[in-house]
Amino acid sequence: MSEYIDYIFFTAILLGAIFVGFSIGRWWAVVFVLLVPLAFPLYGPDSDGAPRWFYPTLFLGPPVLLSLMVGVGCRKLVARRSDRKRPHAE
């Protein structure tokens, strides 16, 4: 179980991003990817000399961005389909 904890953590982050994108439903929600570095201490270099926020931004930023976009897109699709099913008053 412990060898899968990284995959479980990564999957939880991606599913959480989809949920956040779906619940907000606006395209400005993708700006939340810029908050990824704030989840990590912004002081001092890591053991290899890079800032502590560099690798999480590099490896988590793009997948989280895509997940947020998928969530927002799903919300827009659901809204569009529900508008089609509703009869329009004349």
PDB file of N, CA and C in Angstrom:
ATOM      1  N   MET A   1       0.820  -1.194   0.000  1.00  0.00           N
ATOM      2  CA  MET A   1       0.000   0.000   0.000  1.00  0.00           C
ATOM      3  C   MET A   1       0.861   1.254   0.000  1.00  0.00           C
ATOM      4  N   SER A   2       1.962   1.228   0.725  1.00  0.00           N
ATOM      5  CA  SER A   2       2.784   2.430   0.832  1.00  0.00           C
ATOM      6  C   SER A   2       3.478   2.780  -0.487  1.00  0.00           C
ATOM      7  N   GLU A   3       3.695   1.796  -1.368  1.00  0.00           N
ATOM      8  CA  GLU A   3       4.334   2.113  -2.631  1.00  0.00           C
ATOM      9  C   GLU A   3       3.369   2.814  -3.599  1.00  0.00           C
ATOM     10  N   TYR A   4       2.079   2.742  -3.318  1.00  0.00           N
ATOM     11  CA  TYR A   4       1.079   3.379  -4.171  1.00  0.00           C
ATOM     12  C   TYR A   4       0.622   4.731  -3.647  1.00  0.00           C
ATOM     13  N   ILE A   5       1.163   5.182  -2.542  1.00  0.00           N
ATOM     14  CA  ILE A   5       0.681   6.410  -1.922  1.00  0.00           C
ATOM     15  C   ILE A   5       0.903   7.624  -2.826  1.00  0.00           C
ATOM     16  N   ASP A   6       1.989   7.638  -3.602  1.00  0.00           N
ATOM     17  CA  ASP A   6       2.228   8.749  -4.525  1.00  0.00           C
ATOM     18  C   ASP A   6       1.170   8.795  -5.621  1.00  0.00           C
ATOM     19  N   TYR A   7       0.795   7.638  -6.137  1.00  0.00           N
ATOM     20  CA  TYR A   7      -0.222   7.586  -7.179  1.00  0.00           C
ATOM     21  C   TYR A   7      -1.590   7.989  -6.626  1.00  0.00           C
ATOM     22  N   ILE A   8      -1.878   7.559  -5.419  1.00  0.00           N
ATOM     23  CA  ILE A   8      -3.144   7.928  -4.792  1.00  0.00           C
ATOM     24  C   ILE A   8      -3.194   9.430  -4.547  1.00  0.00           C
ATOM     25  N   PHE A   9      -2.096  10.004  -4.081  1.00  0.00           N
ATOM     26  CA  PHE A   9      -2.011  11.441  -3.842  1.00  0.00           C
ATOM     27  C   PHE A   9      -2.184  12.217  -5.143  1.00  0.00           C
ATOM     28  N   PHE A  10      -1.491  11.806  -6.193  1.00  0.00           N
ATOM     29  CA  PHE A  10      -1.577  12.479  -7.490  1.00  0.00           C
ATOM     30  C   PHE A  10      -2.987  12.389  -8.061  1.00  0.00           C
ATOM     31  N   THR A  11      -3.608  11.211  -7.961  1.00  0.00           N
ATOM     32  CA  THR A  11      -4.977  11.037  -8.443  1.00  0.00           C
ATOM     33  C   THR A  11      -5.952  11.888  -7.650  1.00  0.00           C
ATOM     34  N   ALA A  12      -5.757  11.980  -6.340  1.00  0.00           N
ATOM     35  CA  ALA A  12      -6.629  12.820  -5.514  1.00  0.00           C
ATOM     36  C   ALA A  12      -6.496  14.287  -5.899  1.00  0.00           C
ATOM     37  N   ILE A  13      -5.291  14.736  -6.197  1.00  0.00           N
ATOM     38  CA  ILE A  13      -5.097  16.123  -6.627  1.00  0.00           C
ATOM     39  C   ILE A  13      -5.809  16.379  -7.950  1.00  0.00           C
ATOM     40  N   LEU A  14      -5.689  15.462  -8.898  1.00  0.00           N
ATOM     41  CA  LEU A  14      -6.327  15.654 -10.198  1.00  0.00           C
ATOM     42  C   LEU A  14      -7.843  15.617 -10.089  1.00  0.00           C
ATOM     43  N   LEU A  15      -8.376  14.674  -9.314  1.00  0.00           N
ATOM     44  CA  LEU A  15      -9.831  14.621  -9.138  1.00  0.00           C
ATOM     45  C   LEU A  15     -10.337  15.842  -8.381  1.00  0.00           C
ATOM     46  N   GLY A  16      -9.563  16.306  -7.423  1.00  0.00           N
ATOM     47  CA  GLY A  16      -9.934  17.530  -6.717  1.00  0.00           C
ATOM     48  C   GLY A  16      -9.951  18.729  -7.642  1.00  0.00           C
ATOM     49  N   ALA A  17      -8.994  18.802  -8.568  1.00  0.00           N
ATOM     50  CA  ALA A  17      -8.963  19.907  -9.526  1.00  0.00           C
ATOM     51  C   ALA A  17     -10.157  19.846 -10.462  1.00  0.00           C
ATOM     52  N   ILE A  18     -10.542  18.647 -10.888  1.00  0.00           N
ATOM     53  CA  ILE A  18     -11.733  18.515 -11.733  1.00  0.00           C
ATOM     54  C   ILE A  18     -12.968  18.974 -10.961  1.00  0.00           C
ATOM     55  N   PHE A  19     -13.070  18.575  -9.706  1.00  0.00           N
ATOM     56  CA  PHE A  19     -14.206  18.986  -8.882  1.00  0.00           C
ATOM     57  C   PHE A  19     -14.246  20.499  -8.698  1.00  0.00           C
ATOM     58  N   VAL A  20     -13.094  21.101  -8.428  1.00  0.00           N
ATOM     59  CA  VAL A  20     -13.038  22.560  -8.250  1.00  0.00           C
ATOM     60  C   VAL A  20     -13.432  23.256  -9.548  1.00  0.00           C
ATOM     61  N   GLY A  21     -12.905  22.792 -10.669  1.00  0.00           N
ATOM     62  CA  GLY A  21     -13.273  23.385 -11.963  1.00  0.00           C
ATOM     63  C   GLY A  21     -14.745  23.236 -12.266  1.00  0.00           C
ATOM     64  N   PHE A  22     -15.310  22.073 -11.941  1.00  0.00           N
ATOM     65  CA  PHE A  22     -16.735  21.857 -12.194  1.00  0.00           C
ATOM     66  C   PHE A  22     -17.590  22.712 -11.266  1.00  0.00           C
ATOM     67  N   SER A  23     -17.183  22.823 -10.013  1.00  0.00           N
ATOM     68  CA  SER A  23     -18.007  23.583  -9.064  1.00  0.00           C
ATOM     69  C   SER A  23     -17.949  25.081  -9.332  1.00  0.00           C
ATOM     70  N   ILE A  24     -16.813  25.596  -9.803  1.00  0.00           N
ATOM     71  CA  ILE A  24     -16.723  27.024 -10.123  1.00  0.00           C
ATOM     72  C   ILE A  24     -17.361  27.293 -11.486  1.00  0.00           C
ATOM     73  N   GLY A  25     -17.005  26.518 -12.473  1.00  0.00           N
ATOM     74  CA  GLY A  25     -17.635  26.616 -13.779  1.00  0.00           C
ATOM     75  C   GLY A  25     -17.278  27.855 -14.581  1.00  0.00           C
ATOM     76  N   ARG A  26     -16.242  28.534 -14.244  1.00  0.00           N
ATOM     77  CA  ARG A  26     -15.803  29.726 -14.976  1.00  0.00           C
ATOM     78  C   ARG A  26     -14.356  29.520 -15.424  1.00  0.00           C
ATOM     79  N   TRP A  27     -14.022  30.098 -16.564  1.00  0.00           N
ATOM     80  CA  TRP A  27     -12.693  29.886 -17.106  1.00  0.00           C
ATOM     81  C   TRP A  27     -11.600  30.551 -16.281  1.00  0.00           C
ATOM     82  N   TRP A  28     -11.950  31.544 -15.478  1.00  0.00           N
ATOM     83  CA  TRP A  28     -10.919  32.175 -14.647  1.00  0.00           C
ATOM     84  C   TRP A  28     -10.429  31.230 -13.555  1.00  0.00           C
ATOM     85  N   ALA A  29     -11.087  30.099 -13.364  1.00  0.00           N
ATOM     86  CA  ALA A  29     -10.663  29.135 -12.344  1.00  0.00           C
ATOM     87  C   ALA A  29      -9.295  28.532 -12.660  1.00  0.00           C
ATOM     88  N   VAL A  30      -8.881  28.571 -13.922  1.00  0.00           N
ATOM     89  CA  VAL A  30      -7.576  28.006 -14.268  1.00  0.00           C
ATOM     90  C   VAL A  30      -6.437  28.830 -13.681  1.00  0.00           C
ATOM     91  N   VAL A  31      -6.729  30.011 -13.192  1.00  0.00           N
ATOM     92  CA  VAL A  31      -5.712  30.835 -12.550  1.00  0.00           C
ATOM     93  C   VAL A  31      -5.261  30.195 -11.229  1.00  0.00           C
ATOM     94  N   PHE A  32      -6.067  29.300 -10.675  1.00  0.00           N
ATOM     95  CA  PHE A  32      -5.705  28.645  -9.426  1.00  0.00           C
ATOM     96  C   PHE A  32      -4.432  27.821  -9.541  1.00  0.00           C
ATOM     97  N   VAL A  33      -4.027  27.487 -10.745  1.00  0.00           N
ATOM     98  CA  VAL A  33      -2.772  26.750 -10.927  1.00  0.00           C
ATOM     99  C   VAL A  33      -1.599  27.590 -10.424  1.00  0.00           C
ATOM    100  N   LEU A  34      -1.745  28.887 -10.474  1.00  0.00           N
ATOM    101  CA  LEU A  34      -0.680  29.757  -9.979  1.00  0.00           C
ATOM    102  C   LEU A  34      -0.512  29.645  -8.471  1.00  0.00           C
ATOM    103  N   LEU A  35      -1.473  29.029  -7.780  1.00  0.00           N
ATOM    104  CA  LEU A  35      -1.375  28.851  -6.336  1.00  0.00           C
ATOM    105  C   LEU A  35      -0.567  27.622  -5.943  1.00  0.00           C
ATOM    106  N   VAL A  36      -0.192  26.795  -6.906  1.00  0.00           N
ATOM    107  CA  VAL A  36       0.572  25.579  -6.595  1.00  0.00           C
ATOM    108  C   VAL A  36       1.866  25.903  -5.848  1.00  0.00           C
ATOM    109  N   PRO A  37       2.636  26.920  -6.262  1.00  0.00           N
ATOM    110  CA  PRO A  37       3.861  27.205  -5.501  1.00  0.00           C
ATOM    111  C   PRO A  37       3.594  27.645  -4.067  1.00  0.00           C
ATOM    112  N   LEU A  38       2.437  28.210  -3.799  1.00  0.00           N
ATOM    113  CA  LEU A  38       2.145  28.675  -2.449  1.00  0.00           C
ATOM    114  C   LEU A  38       1.877  27.532  -1.478  1.00  0.00           C
ATOM    115  N   ALA A  39       1.670  26.345  -2.006  1.00  0.00           N
ATOM    116  CA  ALA A  39       1.447  25.195  -1.142  1.00  0.00           C
ATOM    117  C   ALA A  39       2.759  24.684  -0.545  1.00  0.00           C
ATOM    118  N   PHE A  40       3.857  25.215  -1.010  1.00  0.00           N
ATOM    119  CA  PHE A  40       5.168  24.778  -0.556  1.00  0.00           C
ATOM    120  C   PHE A  40       5.925  25.983  -0.001  1.00  0.00           C
ATOM    121  N   PRO A  41       6.819  25.761   0.933  1.00  0.00           N
ATOM    122  CA  PRO A  41       7.578  26.883   1.493  1.00  0.00           C
ATOM    123  C   PRO A  41       8.370  27.616   0.407  1.00  0.00           C
ATOM    124  N   LEU A  42       8.321  28.906   0.458  1.00  0.00           N
ATOM    125  CA  LEU A  42       8.997  29.701  -0.561  1.00  0.00           C
ATOM    126  C   LEU A  42      10.389  30.147  -0.122  1.00  0.00           C
ATOM    127  N   TYR A  43      10.899  29.544   0.906  1.00  0.00           N
ATOM    128  CA  TYR A  43      12.205  29.965   1.405  1.00  0.00           C
ATOM    129  C   TYR A  43      13.227  28.876   1.164  1.00  0.00           C
ATOM    130  N   GLY A  44      14.431  29.285   0.881  1.00  0.00           N
ATOM    131  CA  GLY A  44      15.562  28.378   0.797  1.00  0.00           C
ATOM    132  C   GLY A  44      15.516  27.397  -0.348  1.00  0.00           C
ATOM    133  N   PRO A  45      16.677  27.017  -0.831  1.00  0.00           N
ATOM    134  CA  PRO A  45      16.743  26.019  -1.890  1.00  0.00           C
ATOM    135  C   PRO A  45      16.571  24.605  -1.353  1.00  0.00           C
ATOM    136  N   ASP A  46      16.215  23.723  -2.249  1.00  0.00           N
ATOM    137  CA  ASP A  46      16.095  22.308  -1.938  1.00  0.00           C
ATOM    138  C   ASP A  46      17.507  21.703  -1.923  1.00  0.00           C
ATOM    139  N   SER A  47      17.611  20.399  -1.774  1.00  0.00           N
ATOM    140  CA  SER A  47      18.928  19.759  -1.692  1.00  0.00           C
ATOM    141  C   SER A  47      19.724  19.902  -2.989  1.00  0.00           C
ATOM    142  N   ASP A  48      19.037  20.058  -4.127  1.00  0.00           N
ATOM    143  CA  ASP A  48      19.757  20.199  -5.390  1.00  0.00           C
ATOM    144  C   ASP A  48      19.918  21.655  -5.820  1.00  0.00           C
ATOM    145  N   GLY A  49      19.520  22.601  -4.993  1.00  0.00           N
ATOM    146  CA  GLY A  49      19.731  24.010  -5.285  1.00  0.00           C
ATOM    147  C   GLY A  49      18.549  24.712  -5.917  1.00  0.00           C
ATOM    148  N   ALA A  50      17.529  23.980  -6.324  1.00  0.00           N
ATOM    149  CA  ALA A  50      16.350  24.604  -6.921  1.00  0.00           C
ATOM    150  C   ALA A  50      15.416  25.088  -5.808  1.00  0.00           C
ATOM    151  N   PRO A  51      14.637  26.118  -6.072  1.00  0.00           N
ATOM    152  CA  PRO A  51      13.657  26.536  -5.061  1.00  0.00           C
ATOM    153  C   PRO A  51      12.671  25.407  -4.774  1.00  0.00           C
ATOM    154  N   ARG A  52      12.132  25.390  -3.577  1.00  0.00           N
ATOM    155  CA  ARG A  52      11.239  24.295  -3.168  1.00  0.00           C
ATOM    156  C   ARG A  52       9.968  24.231  -4.016  1.00  0.00           C
ATOM    157  N   TRP A  53       9.541  25.331  -4.593  1.00  0.00           N
ATOM    158  CA  TRP A  53       8.299  25.345  -5.356  1.00  0.00           C
ATOM    159  C   TRP A  53       8.506  24.977  -6.817  1.00  0.00           C
ATOM    160  N   PHE A  54       9.749  24.820  -7.262  1.00  0.00           N
ATOM    161  CA  PHE A  54      10.022  24.612  -8.679  1.00  0.00           C
ATOM    162  C   PHE A  54       9.471  23.284  -9.196  1.00  0.00           C
ATOM    163  N   TYR A  55       9.806  22.194  -8.536  1.00  0.00           N
ATOM    164  CA  TYR A  55       9.385  20.883  -9.023  1.00  0.00           C
ATOM    165  C   TYR A  55       7.874  20.654  -8.897  1.00  0.00           C
ATOM    166  N   PRO A  56       7.236  21.059  -7.798  1.00  0.00           N
ATOM    167  CA  PRO A  56       5.777  20.927  -7.778  1.00  0.00           C
ATOM    168  C   PRO A  56       5.099  21.728  -8.883  1.00  0.00           C
ATOM    169  N   THR A  57       5.621  22.910  -9.183  1.00  0.00           N
ATOM    170  CA  THR A  57       5.044  23.706 -10.262  1.00  0.00           C
ATOM    171  C   THR A  57       5.292  23.044 -11.605  1.00  0.00           C
ATOM    172  N   LEU A  58       6.465  22.500 -11.779  1.00  0.00           N
ATOM    173  CA  LEU A  58       6.818  21.871 -13.038  1.00  0.00           C
ATOM    174  C   LEU A  58       6.016  20.597 -13.294  1.00  0.00           C
ATOM    175  N   PHE A  59       5.858  19.774 -12.253  1.00  0.00           N
ATOM    176  CA  PHE A  59       5.216  18.479 -12.445  1.00  0.00           C
ATOM    177  C   PHE A  59       3.730  18.456 -12.099  1.00  0.00           C
ATOM    178  N   LEU A  60       3.269  19.332 -11.228  1.00  0.00           N
ATOM    179  CA  LEU A  60       1.852  19.371 -10.874  1.00  0.00           C
ATOM    180  C   LEU A  60       1.081  20.441 -11.643  1.00  0.00           C
ATOM    181  N   GLY A  61       1.755  21.482 -12.071  1.00  0.00           N
ATOM    182  CA  GLY A  61       1.083  22.594 -12.737  1.00  0.00           C
ATOM    183  C   GLY A  61       0.325  22.196 -13.992  1.00  0.00           C
ATOM    184  N   PRO A  62       0.976  21.603 -14.984  1.00  0.00           N
ATOM    185  CA  PRO A  62       0.257  21.247 -16.209  1.00  0.00           C
ATOM    186  C   PRO A  62      -0.883  20.243 -16.009  1.00  0.00           C
ATOM    187  N   PRO A  63      -0.703  19.146 -15.241  1.00  0.00           N
ATOM    188  CA  PRO A  63      -1.837  18.246 -15.046  1.00  0.00           C
ATOM    189  C   PRO A  63      -3.001  18.897 -14.287  1.00  0.00           C
ATOM    190  N   VAL A  64      -2.683  19.733 -13.315  1.00  0.00           N
ATOM    191  CA  VAL A  64      -3.747  20.415 -12.571  1.00  0.00           C
ATOM    192  C   VAL A  64      -4.450  21.412 -13.481  1.00  0.00           C
ATOM    193  N   LEU A  65      -3.702  22.107 -14.335  1.00  0.00           N
ATOM    194  CA  LEU A  65      -4.304  23.026 -15.282  1.00  0.00           C
ATOM    195  C   LEU A  65      -5.270  22.299 -16.204  1.00  0.00           C
ATOM    196  N   LEU A  66      -4.839  21.171 -16.750  1.00  0.00           N
ATOM    197  CA  LEU A  66      -5.716  20.393 -17.629  1.00  0.00           C
ATOM    198  C   LEU A  66      -6.930  19.865 -16.878  1.00  0.00           C
ATOM    199  N   SER A  67      -6.747  19.433 -15.645  1.00  0.00           N
ATOM    200  CA  SER A  67      -7.870  18.925 -14.859  1.00  0.00           C
ATOM    201  C   SER A  67      -8.886  20.029 -14.569  1.00  0.00           C
ATOM    202  N   LEU A  68      -8.403  21.217 -14.234  1.00  0.00           N
ATOM    203  CA  LEU A  68      -9.310  22.337 -14.026  1.00  0.00           C
ATOM    204  C   LEU A  68     -10.073  22.666 -15.301  1.00  0.00           C
ATOM    205  N   MET A  69      -9.372  22.632 -16.428  1.00  0.00           N
ATOM    206  CA  MET A  69     -10.036  22.920 -17.699  1.00  0.00           C
ATOM    207  C   MET A  69     -11.078  21.861 -18.035  1.00  0.00           C
ATOM    208  N   VAL A  70     -10.789  20.611 -17.725  1.00  0.00           N
ATOM    209  CA  VAL A  70     -11.773  19.546 -17.944  1.00  0.00           C
ATOM    210  C   VAL A  70     -13.004  19.776 -17.071  1.00  0.00           C
ATOM    211  N   GLY A  71     -12.783  20.144 -15.806  1.00  0.00           N
ATOM    212  CA  GLY A  71     -13.908  20.416 -14.912  1.00  0.00           C
ATOM    213  C   GLY A  71     -14.765  21.571 -15.380  1.00  0.00           C
ATOM    214  N   VAL A  72     -14.129  22.655 -15.798  1.00  0.00           N
ATOM    215  CA  VAL A  72     -14.877  23.810 -16.283  1.00  0.00           C
ATOM    216  C   VAL A  72     -15.605  23.450 -17.575  1.00  0.00           C
ATOM    217  N   GLY A  73     -14.940  22.726 -18.458  1.00  0.00           N
ATOM    218  CA  GLY A  73     -15.580  22.304 -19.697  1.00  0.00           C
ATOM    219  C   GLY A  73     -16.777  21.403 -19.462  1.00  0.00           C
ATOM    220  N   CYS A  74     -16.674  20.496 -18.507  1.00  0.00           N
ATOM    221  CA  CYS A  74     -17.815  19.635 -18.167  1.00  0.00           C
ATOM    222  C   CYS A  74     -18.975  20.456 -17.632  1.00  0.00           C
ATOM    223  N   ARG A  75     -18.673  21.444 -16.810  1.00  0.00           N
ATOM    224  CA  ARG A  75     -19.727  22.301 -16.273  1.00  0.00           C
ATOM    225  C   ARG A  75     -20.428  23.068 -17.389  1.00  0.00           C
ATOM    226  N   LYS A  76     -19.655  23.608 -18.333  1.00  0.00           N
ATOM    227  CA  LYS A  76     -20.226  24.329 -19.462  1.00  0.00           C
ATOM    228  C   LYS A  76     -21.080  23.392 -20.320  1.00  0.00           C
ATOM    229  N   LEU A  77     -20.614  22.167 -20.522  1.00  0.00           N
ATOM    230  CA  LEU A  77     -21.359  21.198 -21.317  1.00  0.00           C
ATOM    231  C   LEU A  77     -22.669  20.825 -20.642  1.00  0.00           C
ATOM    232  N   VAL A  78     -22.627  20.597 -19.337  1.00  0.00           N
ATOM    233  CA  VAL A  78     -23.853  20.273 -18.597  1.00  0.00           C
ATOM    234  C   VAL A  78     -24.836  21.440 -18.656  1.00  0.00           C
ATOM    235  N   ALA A  79     -24.336  22.664 -18.511  1.00  0.00           N
ATOM    236  CA  ALA A  79     -25.210  23.839 -18.579  1.00  0.00           C
ATOM    237  C   ALA A  79     -25.823  23.983 -19.967  1.00  0.00           C
ATOM    238  N   ARG A  80     -25.044  23.740 -20.998  1.00  0.00           N
ATOM    239  CA  ARG A  80     -25.551  23.860 -22.362  1.00  0.00           C
ATOM    240  C   ARG A  80     -26.613  22.799 -22.649  1.00  0.00           C
ATOM    241  N   ARG A  81     -26.375  21.578 -22.171  1.00  0.00           N
ATOM    242  CA  ARG A  81     -27.352  20.507 -22.416  1.00  0.00           C
ATOM    243  C   ARG A  81     -28.638  20.731 -21.635  1.00  0.00           C
ATOM    244  N   SER A  82     -28.528  21.289 -20.431  1.00  0.00           N
ATOM    245  CA  SER A  82     -29.741  21.546 -19.653  1.00  0.00           C
ATOM    246  C   SER A  82     -30.534  22.702 -20.251  1.00  0.00           C
ATOM    247  N   ASP A  83     -29.875  23.645 -20.896  1.00  0.00           N
ATOM    248  CA  ASP A  83     -30.580  24.739 -21.572  1.00  0.00           C
ATOM    249  C   ASP A  83     -31.357  24.229 -22.770  1.00  0.00           C
ATOM    250  N   ARG A  84     -30.853  23.230 -23.436  1.00  0.00           N
ATOM    251  CA  ARG A  84     -31.562  22.668 -24.594  1.00  0.00           C
ATOM    252  C   ARG A  84     -32.818  21.910 -24.179  1.00  0.00           C
ATOM    253  N   LYS A  85     -32.774  21.274 -23.027  1.00  0.00           N
ATOM    254  CA  LYS A  85     -33.922  20.477 -22.585  1.00  0.00           C
ATOM    255  C   LYS A  85     -35.049  21.333 -22.029  1.00  0.00           C
ATOM    256  N   ARG A  86     -34.725  22.531 -21.555  1.00  0.00           N
ATOM    257  CA  ARG A  86     -35.731  23.409 -20.993  1.00  0.00           C
ATOM    258  C   ARG A  86     -36.553  24.065 -22.094  1.00  0.00           C
ATOM    259  N   PRO A  87     -37.874  24.018 -22.003  1.00  0.00           N
ATOM    260  CA  PRO A  87     -38.684  24.717 -23.026  1.00  0.00           C
ATOM    261  C   PRO A  87     -38.563  26.225 -22.827  1.00  0.00           C
ATOM    262  N   HIS A  88     -38.460  26.912 -23.939  1.00  0.00           N
ATOM    263  CA  HIS A  88     -38.327  28.358 -23.879  1.00  0.00           C
ATOM    264  C   HIS A  88     -39.712  29.008 -23.871  1.00  0.00           C
ATOM    265  N   ALA A  89     -39.884  29.974 -23.021  1.00  0.00           N
ATOM    266  CA  ALA A  89     -41.159  30.697 -22.944  1.00  0.00           C
ATOM    267  C   ALA A  89     -41.242  31.681 -24.092  1.00  0.00           C
ATOM    268  N   GLU A  90     -42.397  31.756 -24.683  1.00  0.00           N
ATOM    269  CA  GLU A  90     -42.576  32.685 -25.795  1.00  0.00           C
ATOM    270  C   GLU A  90     -43.613  33.716 -25.490  1.00  0.00           C
TER     271      GLU A  90
END
